Amino acid sequence: MNKRQSRLFAIGSTAVAALAFLGLTIDSHRQFDKLTNAQNITPAVIHGKDVWHKYNCINCHTLFGEGAYYAPDLTKITQHRGEAYLKAYMRDPSKFYDENRHRRLMPKQDLAEDEITDLIAFLDWVSKVDNQGWPPRPILVTGATIPGTDLNTEQLGSGGQQGGMQPPGARPVSGDQNPIALGQNVFRTVAPSCTACHSLSPGVNMAGPSLAGLATQAKERLASPDYKGKAKDVEGYIRESIEHPSAYVVPGAMYSANGQSFMPATYANDLKPEQIDQLVAYLASFK
């Protein structure tokens, strides 16, 4: 190829690349309104975005993988945490930490109630944007570096066990039709995922209490005069906790407000009866 041919090739390649870039840009802009649900951008969402910038949330958190990786990615936070939980957390983050055991990093911002409400509206709008799976592996709200707080495909060994390990005291899991094995899969894959709020390690409490030793704890709670639910046995208690989470609220301001659990009360409708049976079997194995 001589100099003239090389020059023409370079010009032609640049032109083709520029046309492809222009075409992709136009196509992206054509889809923006649909992908972002622009029709749902209300005054509350706009104000919530202003609150996000006013308090420099992006200095610690990320949205769509963009921002500071100092704190959890909040792209899908409203799909993992209910409004009651988020409001209580934003009012006073200190109630969600045991400051005798670890240092609290989230400052109390003293947001006004309308700022909290609109910030949640903004984050809810963000959670419903079609981001086509990006970021592929956002920072989890649970802190997945703690053993037993989360499962992902890289951590799963044969039989769906986390690295071949089970929660302390759990019965062995094997076989595709084993209800405990099926329940473990429900625990990991149901939306919102149980692992987003609950750890399987003793003493590791997150948005929800640790489920380690749940069967033993259930027996103790059933015998307690503070228990006002209708369950008569461990399996019944666990089922009640899934379908009616406010029947018994574990003490602690980080788990409830005004006697109402922060746990979603929708699983009775969202899960099939057999899925609840499997989940109960799995959780009842935590001795």
Protein backbone atom coordinates (compact mmCIF):
# COMPACT_ATOMS: atom_id res chain seq x y z
CA MET A 1 0.00 0.00 0.00
CA ASN A 2 1.52 3.33 -1.08
CA LYS A 3 1.17 6.66 0.75
CA ARG A 4 -1.89 7.76 -1.24
CA GLN A 5 -3.69 4.47 -0.55
CA SER A 6 -2.76 4.65 3.13
CA ARG A 7 -4.11 8.18 3.33
CA LEU A 8 -7.39 7.22 1.65
CA PHE A 9 -7.72 4.17 3.90
CA ALA A 10 -7.22 6.31 6.99
CA ILE A 11 -9.74 8.90 5.83
CA GLY A 12 -12.26 6.23 4.85
CA SER A 13 -11.87 4.36 8.16
CA THR A 14 -12.30 7.60 10.12
CA ALA A 15 -15.43 8.47 8.15
CA VAL A 16 -16.97 5.02 8.70
CA ALA A 17 -16.17 5.16 12.43
CA ALA A 18 -17.61 8.68 12.68
CA LEU A 19 -20.81 7.62 10.91
CA ALA A 20 -21.15 4.56 13.17
CA PHE A 21 -20.62 6.73 16.28
CA LEU A 22 -23.15 9.30 15.03
CA GLY A 23 -25.68 6.57 14.26
CA LEU A 24 -25.30 4.95 17.67
CA THR A 25 -25.58 8.35 19.37
CA ILE A 26 -28.79 9.16 17.52
CA ASP A 27 -30.19 5.71 18.31
CA SER A 28 -29.35 6.13 22.00
CA HIS A 29 -31.06 9.52 22.17
CA ARG A 30 -34.07 8.04 20.38
CA GLN A 31 -34.48 5.50 23.19
CA PHE A 32 -33.63 7.67 26.20
CA ASP A 33 -37.21 8.55 27.12
CA LYS A 34 -38.30 4.92 26.96
CA LEU A 35 -35.25 3.51 28.77
CA THR A 36 -35.43 6.07 31.55
CA ASN A 37 -39.23 6.13 31.94
CA ALA A 38 -39.14 9.87 31.32
CA GLN A 39 -42.91 10.08 31.81
CA ASN A 40 -42.33 9.27 35.49
CA ILE A 41 -40.00 12.20 36.12
CA THR A 42 -42.25 14.10 38.50
CA PRO A 43 -41.47 17.30 40.44
CA ALA A 44 -40.73 15.05 43.44
CA VAL A 45 -38.16 13.09 41.42
CA ILE A 46 -36.53 16.31 40.21
CA HIS A 47 -36.40 17.68 43.76
CA GLY A 48 -35.00 14.35 44.96
CA LYS A 49 -32.21 14.62 42.40
CA ASP A 50 -31.44 18.11 43.73
CA VAL A 51 -31.33 16.67 47.28
CA TRP A 52 -28.91 13.97 46.04
CA HIS A 53 -26.56 16.70 44.77
CA LYS A 54 -27.16 19.11 47.66
CA TYR A 55 -25.89 16.59 50.21
CA ASN A 56 -23.11 15.29 47.93
CA CYS A 57 -24.36 11.70 48.15
CA ILE A 58 -22.26 10.82 45.11
CA ASN A 59 -19.10 11.58 47.09
CA CYS A 60 -19.59 8.21 48.79
CA HIS A 61 -22.22 6.31 46.79
CA THR A 62 -22.58 5.29 43.16
CA LEU A 63 -25.51 5.29 40.75
CA PHE A 64 -25.18 3.14 37.63
CA GLY A 65 -21.61 2.46 38.76
CA GLU A 66 -20.68 6.16 38.64
CA GLY A 67 -19.55 7.99 41.75
CA ALA A 68 -17.34 7.19 44.71
CA TYR A 69 -16.84 3.54 45.64
CA TYR A 70 -16.64 4.35 49.34
CA ALA A 71 -20.19 3.24 50.12
CA PRO A 72 -22.76 0.91 48.51
CA ASP A 73 -24.12 1.36 45.01
CA LEU A 74 -27.69 2.67 45.30
CA THR A 75 -28.93 1.99 41.76
CA LYS A 76 -31.42 -0.65 42.93
CA ILE A 77 -31.68 0.30 46.61
CA THR A 78 -35.47 0.80 46.59
CA GLN A 79 -35.88 -2.74 45.24
CA HIS A 80 -33.93 -4.06 48.24
CA ARG A 81 -35.22 -1.77 50.97
CA GLY A 82 -38.78 -0.61 51.62
CA GLU A 83 -39.82 3.02 52.06
CA ALA A 84 -40.26 2.65 55.82
CA TYR A 85 -36.72 1.35 56.20
CA LEU A 86 -35.19 4.04 53.99
CA LYS A 87 -37.00 6.83 55.81
CA ALA A 88 -35.93 5.55 59.22
CA TYR A 89 -32.35 5.13 58.00
CA MET A 90 -32.12 8.64 56.54
CA ARG A 91 -33.58 10.19 59.69
CA ASP A 92 -30.94 8.64 61.94
CA PRO A 93 -28.37 6.19 60.50
CA SER A 94 -26.87 5.63 63.97
CA LYS A 95 -29.81 3.38 64.90
CA PHE A 96 -28.68 0.92 62.26
CA TYR A 97 -25.23 0.35 63.72
CA ASP A 98 -23.86 -1.18 66.86
CA GLU A 99 -21.34 1.54 67.56
CA ASN A 100 -19.74 -0.52 70.31
CA ARG A 101 -18.66 -3.06 67.69
CA HIS A 102 -17.92 -1.02 64.58
CA ARG A 103 -17.54 2.57 63.51
CA ARG A 104 -20.48 4.26 61.84
CA LEU A 105 -19.55 5.76 58.48
CA MET A 106 -22.88 7.20 57.33
CA PRO A 107 -23.30 10.71 58.79
CA LYS A 108 -26.60 12.06 60.05
CA GLN A 109 -27.56 14.61 57.40
CA ASP A 110 -30.57 16.13 59.21
CA LEU A 111 -32.68 16.01 56.05
CA ALA A 112 -36.15 17.55 56.11
CA GLU A 113 -39.06 15.13 55.75
CA ASP A 114 -39.90 16.37 52.25
CA GLU A 115 -36.25 15.94 51.25
CA ILE A 116 -36.28 12.35 52.48
CA THR A 117 -39.55 11.58 50.68
CA ASP A 118 -38.39 13.11 47.40
CA LEU A 119 -34.93 11.55 47.60
CA ILE A 120 -36.61 8.14 47.89
CA ALA A 121 -38.80 9.06 44.90
CA PHE A 122 -35.66 9.89 42.91
CA LEU A 123 -33.93 6.65 43.91
CA ASP A 124 -37.08 4.70 43.05
CA TRP A 125 -37.09 6.28 39.58
CA VAL A 126 -33.40 5.42 39.21
CA SER A 127 -34.08 1.79 40.19
CA LYS A 128 -36.56 1.42 37.32
CA VAL A 129 -34.31 2.81 34.59
CA ASP A 130 -33.44 0.12 32.04
CA ASN A 131 -29.68 0.11 32.62
CA GLN A 132 -29.33 -3.17 30.69
CA GLY A 133 -27.60 -4.87 33.59
CA TRP A 134 -25.05 -2.14 34.29
CA PRO A 135 -23.15 -2.11 36.55
CA PRO A 136 -22.75 -5.89 36.18
CA ARG A 137 -21.62 -6.37 39.79
CA PRO A 138 -22.51 -3.28 41.85
CA ILE A 139 -21.31 -2.93 45.41
CA LEU A 140 -23.88 -4.81 47.47
CA VAL A 141 -25.88 -3.12 50.18
CA THR A 142 -25.05 -6.02 52.47
CA GLY A 143 -21.28 -5.96 52.38
CA ALA A 144 -20.72 -9.32 50.73
CA THR A 145 -17.21 -9.66 52.11
CA ILE A 146 -18.75 -10.89 55.38
CA PRO A 147 -19.16 -14.67 55.29
CA GLY A 148 -22.78 -15.69 54.95
CA THR A 149 -24.10 -12.32 53.81
CA ASP A 150 -24.53 -13.02 50.12
CA LEU A 151 -24.21 -15.67 47.47
CA ASN A 152 -23.21 -15.30 43.85
CA THR A 153 -22.45 -17.71 41.05
CA GLU A 154 -18.71 -17.55 41.59
CA GLN A 155 -19.16 -18.59 45.23
CA LEU A 156 -21.51 -21.50 44.56
CA GLY A 157 -20.13 -24.99 44.72
CA SER A 158 -21.86 -28.19 43.70
CA GLY A 159 -25.37 -28.57 45.07
CA GLY A 160 -25.81 -24.79 45.34
CA GLN A 161 -23.78 -24.42 48.52
CA GLN A 162 -21.66 -21.38 49.18
CA GLY A 163 -18.13 -22.54 48.61
CA GLY A 164 -19.26 -25.98 49.79
CA MET A 165 -20.15 -24.49 53.20
CA GLN A 166 -23.45 -24.34 55.07
CA PRO A 167 -24.68 -22.10 57.90
CA PRO A 168 -23.65 -23.41 61.33
CA GLY A 169 -25.92 -26.28 62.38
CA ALA A 170 -27.71 -26.62 59.04
CA ARG A 171 -28.48 -30.08 57.72
CA PRO A 172 -26.65 -31.21 54.55
CA VAL A 173 -28.17 -30.15 51.26
CA SER A 174 -28.11 -32.39 48.19
CA GLY A 175 -30.37 -33.49 45.38
CA ASP A 176 -32.41 -31.36 42.99
CA GLN A 177 -35.72 -32.29 44.69
CA ASN A 178 -34.53 -31.86 48.26
CA PRO A 179 -36.85 -29.19 49.75
CA ILE A 180 -33.97 -27.70 51.74
CA ALA A 181 -31.86 -27.38 48.59
CA LEU A 182 -34.80 -25.86 46.73
CA GLY A 183 -35.43 -23.54 49.67
CA GLN A 184 -31.83 -22.38 49.59
CA ASN A 185 -32.31 -21.43 45.95
CA VAL A 186 -35.48 -19.49 46.83
CA PHE A 187 -33.60 -17.74 49.65
CA ARG A 188 -30.93 -16.66 47.19
CA THR A 189 -33.01 -15.77 44.13
CA VAL A 190 -36.34 -14.40 45.34
CA ALA A 191 -36.81 -10.67 44.67
CA PRO A 192 -36.06 -8.79 46.85
CA SER A 193 -33.41 -11.35 47.73
CA CYS A 194 -33.39 -12.56 51.34
CA THR A 195 -29.61 -12.20 51.25
CA ALA A 196 -29.99 -8.46 50.72
CA CYS A 197 -31.08 -8.08 54.35
CA HIS A 198 -30.17 -11.26 56.23
CA SER A 199 -26.86 -12.91 57.04
CA LEU A 200 -26.40 -16.59 57.77
CA SER A 201 -23.45 -15.95 60.09
CA PRO A 202 -23.88 -15.70 63.87
CA GLY A 203 -23.88 -12.13 65.12
CA VAL A 204 -23.76 -10.55 61.66
CA ASN A 205 -26.87 -8.38 61.72
CA MET A 206 -27.63 -6.19 58.75
CA ALA A 207 -30.94 -4.61 57.65
CA GLY A 208 -32.51 -7.71 59.16
CA PRO A 209 -31.27 -9.92 62.00
CA SER A 210 -28.93 -12.85 61.38
CA LEU A 211 -30.77 -16.08 60.60
CA ALA A 212 -28.07 -18.30 62.09
CA GLY A 213 -29.68 -20.64 64.64
CA LEU A 214 -33.15 -19.55 63.56
CA ALA A 215 -34.85 -22.81 64.60
CA THR A 216 -33.49 -22.52 68.13
CA GLN A 217 -34.44 -18.85 68.33
CA ALA A 218 -37.93 -19.64 67.08
CA LYS A 219 -38.48 -22.12 69.92
CA GLU A 220 -37.40 -19.51 72.45
CA ARG A 221 -39.65 -16.84 70.98
CA LEU A 222 -42.66 -19.14 70.87
CA ALA A 223 -42.19 -19.77 74.59
CA SER A 224 -41.79 -16.09 75.37
CA PRO A 225 -44.73 -14.11 76.83
CA ASP A 226 -43.80 -11.31 74.39
CA TYR A 227 -44.80 -13.45 71.42
CA LYS A 228 -48.32 -12.51 70.24
CA GLY A 229 -48.45 -14.42 66.96
CA LYS A 230 -50.47 -17.48 66.06
CA ALA A 231 -47.71 -20.02 65.30
CA LYS A 232 -47.50 -23.21 67.36
CA ASP A 233 -44.22 -24.67 66.15
CA VAL A 234 -40.93 -23.67 64.52
CA GLU A 235 -42.11 -24.20 60.96
CA GLY A 236 -45.27 -22.23 61.67
CA TYR A 237 -43.26 -19.39 63.20
CA ILE A 238 -40.97 -19.18 60.15
CA ARG A 239 -43.93 -19.29 57.76
CA GLU A 240 -45.65 -16.55 59.76
CA SER A 241 -42.48 -14.44 59.65
CA ILE A 242 -42.39 -14.73 55.86
CA GLU A 243 -46.06 -14.08 55.22
CA HIS A 244 -46.79 -11.68 58.10
CA PRO A 245 -43.44 -10.20 59.19
CA SER A 246 -45.02 -7.83 61.72
CA ALA A 247 -46.66 -10.68 63.71
CA TYR A 248 -43.49 -10.73 65.80
CA VAL A 249 -40.88 -7.99 65.48
CA VAL A 250 -37.34 -8.73 66.63
CA PRO A 251 -36.40 -6.02 69.16
CA GLY A 252 -34.20 -3.26 67.75
CA ALA A 253 -34.93 0.09 66.11
CA MET A 254 -33.01 -0.98 63.02
CA TYR A 255 -35.61 -3.67 62.21
CA SER A 256 -38.94 -1.88 62.63
CA ALA A 257 -40.80 1.36 63.25
CA ASN A 258 -44.00 1.79 65.26
CA GLY A 259 -44.36 -1.97 65.61
CA GLN A 260 -44.19 -2.58 61.86
CA SER A 261 -41.37 -4.67 60.46
CA PHE A 262 -39.25 -3.23 57.65
CA MET A 263 -39.42 -6.61 55.92
CA PRO A 264 -41.67 -6.53 52.81
CA ALA A 265 -45.12 -8.00 53.52
CA THR A 266 -45.60 -9.12 49.92
CA TYR A 267 -43.96 -12.56 49.90
CA ALA A 268 -47.26 -14.36 50.59
CA ASN A 269 -48.49 -13.06 47.22
CA ASP A 270 -45.17 -13.01 45.36
CA LEU A 271 -44.14 -16.59 46.16
CA LYS A 272 -45.88 -19.80 45.18
CA PRO A 273 -47.08 -21.98 48.09
CA GLU A 274 -44.45 -24.61 47.28
CA GLN A 275 -41.72 -21.95 47.31
CA ILE A 276 -42.77 -20.87 50.80
CA ASP A 277 -42.77 -24.54 51.88
CA GLN A 278 -39.22 -24.92 50.52
CA LEU A 279 -38.04 -21.70 52.14
CA VAL A 280 -39.50 -22.78 55.49
CA ALA A 281 -37.72 -26.14 55.21
CA TYR A 282 -34.41 -24.42 54.48
CA LEU A 283 -34.66 -21.87 57.30
CA ALA A 284 -35.88 -24.50 59.78
CA SER A 285 -32.59 -26.35 59.22
CA PHE A 286 -30.62 -23.60 61.00
CA LYS A 287 -30.27 -25.17 64.43
